[in-house]
Protein backbone atom coordinates (compact mmCIF):
# COMPACT_ATOMS: atom_id res chain seq x y z
CA LEU A 1 9.67 -17.67 14.49
CA ASP A 2 6.85 -19.76 13.04
CA GLN A 3 4.44 -18.30 15.63
CA VAL A 4 5.25 -14.61 15.10
CA ASP A 5 2.42 -14.03 12.61
CA LEU A 6 -0.10 -15.36 15.13
CA VAL A 7 0.63 -12.60 17.67
CA PRO A 8 -1.52 -9.41 17.37
CA GLN A 9 0.32 -6.14 17.01
CA LYS A 10 -0.78 -4.86 20.45
CA ASN A 11 0.96 -7.78 22.17
CA TRP A 12 4.33 -6.85 20.62
CA ARG A 13 4.41 -3.45 22.33
CA HIS A 14 6.01 -2.62 25.67
CA MET A 15 5.28 -4.95 28.56
CA LEU A 16 4.01 -3.26 31.74
CA ASP A 17 4.93 -3.96 35.34
CA PHE A 18 1.40 -4.85 36.43
CA GLN A 19 1.24 -7.63 33.84
CA TYR A 20 3.81 -9.68 35.78
CA ASP A 21 4.18 -10.16 39.52
CA ASP A 22 7.91 -10.86 39.28
CA ALA A 23 10.26 -8.22 37.88
CA THR A 24 12.73 -10.91 36.82
CA VAL A 25 10.05 -12.70 34.81
CA LEU A 26 8.99 -9.38 33.27
CA LYS A 27 12.53 -8.62 32.10
CA ALA A 28 12.99 -12.15 30.73
CA GLU A 29 9.73 -11.95 28.78
CA ASP A 30 10.52 -8.49 27.44
CA ASP A 31 14.00 -9.57 26.34
CA ALA A 32 12.53 -12.64 24.63
CA ARG A 33 9.93 -10.46 22.86
CA ARG A 34 12.53 -8.08 21.46
CA SER A 35 14.94 -10.87 20.54
CA LEU A 36 12.22 -12.75 18.65
CA LEU A 37 11.17 -9.64 16.72
CA VAL A 38 14.77 -8.86 15.80
CA ARG A 39 15.19 -12.36 14.37
CA TYR A 40 11.87 -12.05 12.55
CA PHE A 41 12.69 -8.68 10.97
CA GLU A 42 16.16 -9.83 9.97
CA ARG A 43 14.58 -12.78 8.19
CA GLN A 44 11.91 -10.67 6.47
CA LEU A 45 14.34 -7.96 5.38
CA GLY A 46 16.79 -10.55 4.10
CA ALA A 47 14.10 -12.36 2.13
CA ASP A 48 12.47 -9.36 0.41
CA ARG A 49 12.98 -5.80 1.65
CA ILE A 50 10.40 -4.27 -0.67
CA LEU A 51 7.66 -6.71 0.25
CA ALA A 52 8.48 -6.38 3.96
CA LEU A 53 8.61 -2.57 4.05
CA TYR A 54 6.41 -1.18 1.29
CA ASP A 55 3.18 -0.58 3.23
CA GLY A 56 4.95 0.69 6.35
CA TYR A 57 3.40 -1.83 8.76
CA ASN A 58 6.64 -3.55 9.70
CA SER A 59 8.40 -0.20 10.13
CA TYR A 60 5.64 0.94 12.47
CA LEU A 61 5.77 -2.32 14.41
CA ALA A 62 9.55 -2.10 14.78
CA ALA A 63 9.26 1.42 16.17
CA CYS A 64 6.36 0.89 18.57
CA SER A 65 7.93 -2.29 19.95
CA SER A 66 11.28 -0.51 20.57
CA VAL A 67 13.09 -2.94 18.29
CA ALA A 68 14.29 -0.21 15.91
CA SER A 69 15.24 3.37 16.69
CA PHE A 70 14.43 6.21 14.28
CA THR A 71 15.62 8.96 16.68
CA GLY A 72 19.05 7.81 17.80
CA SER A 73 17.86 6.18 21.04
CA VAL A 74 19.18 2.77 22.08
CA ALA A 75 17.54 -0.14 20.23
CA PRO A 76 18.66 -3.50 18.81
CA MET A 77 18.17 -2.35 15.21
CA ASP A 78 18.81 0.88 13.30
CA GLY A 79 15.65 2.51 11.97
CA ALA A 80 17.46 3.24 8.68
CA GLN A 81 17.15 -0.47 7.87
CA PHE A 82 13.38 0.00 7.71
CA MET A 83 13.41 2.81 5.13
CA LEU A 84 13.21 2.04 1.42
CA SER A 85 15.66 3.94 -0.75
CA TYR A 86 14.50 5.90 -3.78
CA ASP A 87 15.83 3.17 -6.09
CA GLU A 88 13.92 0.54 -4.10
CA LEU A 89 10.72 2.56 -4.48
CA ILE A 90 11.21 2.53 -8.26
CA VAL A 91 11.71 -1.24 -8.16
CA ALA A 92 8.53 -1.50 -6.07
CA GLN A 93 6.60 0.22 -8.86
CA ALA A 94 8.04 -2.26 -11.36
CA GLN A 95 6.85 -5.14 -9.18
CA GLY A 96 3.28 -3.88 -9.10
CA PHE A 97 3.24 -1.97 -5.80
CA THR A 98 1.21 1.05 -6.91
CA ARG A 99 -1.01 1.77 -3.91
CA SER A 100 0.87 4.87 -2.74
CA TRP A 101 2.02 6.13 -6.15
CA HIS A 102 0.19 9.46 -5.96
CA GLU A 103 1.47 10.10 -2.43
CA ARG A 104 4.99 10.35 -3.85
CA TRP A 105 3.93 12.66 -6.66
CA ASP A 106 5.57 15.75 -5.17
CA GLU A 107 8.76 14.12 -3.97
CA GLY A 108 12.20 14.44 -5.58
CA LYS A 109 12.44 14.26 -9.33
CA GLY A 110 13.08 10.89 -10.90
CA LEU A 111 11.71 8.12 -13.04
CA TYR A 112 8.50 6.27 -12.31
CA TRP A 113 7.26 2.95 -13.63
CA VAL A 114 3.75 2.90 -15.08
CA LEU A 115 1.67 0.42 -17.03
CA GLU A 116 0.63 0.95 -20.60
CA ALA A 117 -3.10 1.50 -21.00
CA ASP A 118 -5.21 -1.67 -20.69
CA ASP A 119 -2.24 -3.86 -19.71
CA ALA A 120 -2.91 -6.38 -16.97
CA LEU A 121 -0.71 -5.99 -13.92
CA PRO A 122 2.00 -8.71 -13.95
CA LEU A 123 2.51 -10.88 -10.92
CA ILE A 124 5.42 -9.98 -8.65
CA GLY A 125 8.66 -11.05 -10.26
CA GLU A 126 7.05 -11.77 -13.63
CA ALA A 127 7.15 -8.38 -15.31
CA ASP A 128 9.59 -8.24 -18.19
CA GLY A 129 10.91 -5.22 -20.03
CA ASP A 130 8.22 -5.30 -22.71
CA ASP A 131 5.44 -4.83 -20.15
CA TRP A 132 6.70 -1.52 -18.79
CA VAL A 133 7.68 1.93 -19.97
CA ILE A 134 9.87 4.41 -18.13
CA VAL A 135 8.41 7.91 -18.02
CA ASP A 136 9.78 11.20 -16.76
CA ARG A 137 7.12 12.98 -14.75
CA ASP A 138 8.23 16.42 -15.94
CA THR A 139 8.02 15.71 -19.66
CA ASP A 140 6.07 12.52 -20.32
CA ILE A 141 3.14 12.55 -17.87
CA PRO A 142 0.21 14.55 -19.23
CA ALA A 143 -1.89 16.71 -16.95
CA LEU A 144 -5.32 15.32 -16.15
CA PRO A 145 -8.11 16.95 -18.15
CA THR A 146 -10.05 19.46 -16.05
CA ASN A 147 -12.97 21.81 -16.54
CA PRO A 148 -12.66 25.62 -16.26
CA GLY A 149 -13.22 25.29 -12.51
CA GLY A 150 -10.23 22.97 -12.11
CA ARG A 151 -12.27 19.82 -11.43
CA ILE A 152 -11.21 16.54 -13.05
CA GLU A 153 -13.21 15.52 -16.12
CA PHE A 154 -13.64 11.81 -15.40
CA THR A 155 -15.56 11.37 -18.65
CA ARG A 156 -12.24 11.92 -20.48
CA LEU A 157 -10.12 9.48 -18.45
CA ASP A 158 -9.11 5.89 -19.18
CA LEU A 159 -7.30 3.14 -17.29
CA CYS A 160 -3.90 4.65 -18.06
CA HIS A 161 -4.86 7.70 -15.97
CA VAL A 162 -6.07 5.90 -12.84
CA GLU A 163 -2.86 6.14 -10.80
CA LEU A 164 -2.56 9.85 -11.51
CA VAL A 165 -5.80 10.49 -9.59
CA SER A 166 -5.36 11.00 -5.85
CA PHE A 167 -7.23 8.91 -3.29
CA ASP A 168 -9.24 11.96 -2.18
CA ASN A 169 -10.36 12.65 -5.75
CA TRP A 170 -11.70 9.10 -6.01
CA ARG A 171 -13.66 9.42 -2.78
CA GLU A 172 -14.93 13.02 -2.66
CA PHE A 173 -18.46 13.90 -3.71
CA LEU A 174 -18.71 15.57 -7.12
CA TRP A 175 -20.92 18.62 -6.59
CA THR A 176 -23.06 19.94 -9.42
CA VAL A 177 -21.76 23.48 -8.82
CA ASP A 178 -18.23 22.26 -9.64
CA TYR A 179 -19.43 21.19 -13.08
CA GLY A 180 -21.00 24.43 -14.20
CA ASN A 181 -24.26 23.83 -12.32
CA ASP A 182 -25.04 21.31 -15.03
CA ASP A 183 -26.62 18.30 -13.34
CA THR A 184 -26.32 16.19 -16.49
CA ASN A 185 -22.58 16.87 -16.70
CA ALA A 186 -22.01 16.21 -12.99
CA THR A 187 -23.96 12.93 -13.16
CA ALA A 188 -22.00 11.84 -16.22
CA ASN A 189 -18.72 12.45 -14.36
CA ARG A 190 -19.93 10.56 -11.28
CA ASN A 191 -20.92 7.59 -13.45
CA ALA A 192 -17.66 7.72 -15.44
CA ARG A 193 -15.58 7.78 -12.25
CA ARG A 194 -17.44 4.82 -10.77
CA ASN A 195 -17.16 2.81 -13.99
CA LEU A 196 -13.44 3.57 -14.38
CA LEU A 197 -12.60 2.64 -10.80
CA THR A 198 -14.63 -0.58 -11.13
CA ARG A 199 -12.67 -1.56 -14.25
CA TYR A 200 -9.36 -0.74 -12.55
CA LEU A 201 -10.02 -2.80 -9.42
CA GLU A 202 -11.35 -5.69 -11.52
CA ARG A 203 -8.05 -5.66 -13.41
CA GLN A 204 -6.02 -5.56 -10.19
CA LEU A 205 -7.99 -8.46 -8.67
CA GLN A 206 -7.54 -10.53 -11.81
CA ALA A 207 -3.81 -9.83 -11.99
CA ASP A 208 -3.03 -10.63 -8.33
CA ARG A 209 -5.99 -11.07 -6.01
CA ILE A 210 -3.86 -11.69 -2.90
CA LEU A 211 -1.76 -8.55 -3.39
CA THR A 212 -4.86 -6.44 -4.06
CA GLN A 213 -6.74 -7.76 -1.02
CA SER A 214 -3.72 -7.05 1.18
CA GLN A 215 -3.61 -3.35 0.30
CA LEU A 216 -5.96 -1.33 2.50
CA GLU A 217 -6.35 1.51 0.02
CA TYR A 218 -7.87 -0.79 -2.59
CA SER A 219 -10.40 -2.06 -0.04
CA ARG A 220 -11.33 1.52 0.87
CA LEU A 221 -11.87 2.40 -2.78
CA GLN A 222 -14.22 -0.57 -3.33
CA SER A 223 -17.22 1.34 -1.93
CA GLY A 224 -16.98 3.71 -4.89
CA THR A 225 -17.35 0.89 -7.42
CA ASP A 226 -19.92 -1.69 -8.53
CA LEU A 227 -17.84 -4.50 -7.00
CA GLU A 228 -18.77 -6.58 -3.99
CA PRO A 229 -16.35 -6.30 -1.03
CA PHE A 230 -13.37 -8.54 -1.85
CA TYR A 231 -12.73 -9.94 1.61
CA ALA A 232 -10.04 -12.60 1.77
CA THR A 233 -11.09 -16.13 2.58
CA ARG A 234 -9.25 -18.10 5.25
CA GLU A 235 -7.26 -19.86 2.51
CA GLU A 236 -6.39 -16.54 0.83
CA LYS A 237 -5.21 -15.09 4.15
CA GLN A 238 -2.90 -18.05 4.57
CA LEU A 239 -1.59 -17.57 1.03
CA ALA A 240 -0.99 -13.89 1.82
CA ARG A 241 1.07 -14.85 4.86
CA ASP A 242 3.00 -17.40 2.82
CA GLN A 243 3.86 -14.58 0.39
CA GLY A 244 5.02 -12.31 3.22
CA LEU A 245 1.93 -10.05 3.31
CA THR A 246 1.40 -9.90 7.08
CA ARG A 247 0.18 -6.32 7.51
CA LEU A 248 -3.30 -7.36 8.65
CA TRP A 249 -2.28 -9.50 11.64
CA ASP A 250 -4.37 -7.77 14.27
CA TRP A 251 -7.40 -7.51 11.95
CA ASP A 252 -7.50 -11.30 11.86
């Protein structure tokens, strides 16, 4: 089990006949591969389901390695074990997992956890009731300010609005024509968006650098800020593994 994190994702997938001259050896190796992954996933899920499943990497690995079945086919583990419940997703928000918040915006009604404006993100397990507010998306979440053309007015946003903005809206080019053909207004919105995203990622890095580095979406947003790329050092990668953040195995 101690060596599982050293194996790239591609090596956990199906073994092929041509890789082994002896069919008996092939079967023994394949059985050992699946057995080891089952033990690994059972340990990870038992230790912290939310940390193990939130970004979807372990669920994908379980499926592509035929360790878990999501379609009813024969497999050592049930794919349902690799799906977070709605209540677990709410707990994930409370623990600071906010990377995919906007992707769940149109899902079933319920309560979401959000930070108060300008609050620093607590470390996992350290948020207490005074640091969070429960909001109902239908009544308590304000619509983002937009211009007559329906484009977001980034000059009117603050940190408390960041997680209401979709990933695409952070990355897309802001055309002058979308801001009334007013180049001054369009430039002001581009600058405001860049400044706001820079402040947000600075806050996330200060609150929990390891968690922020381990979330791919944050890294992809960095190019739209004034920040230098926040690549993890060798020591930080080891800390990430110690904390259970193993999504980037094959990148290493």
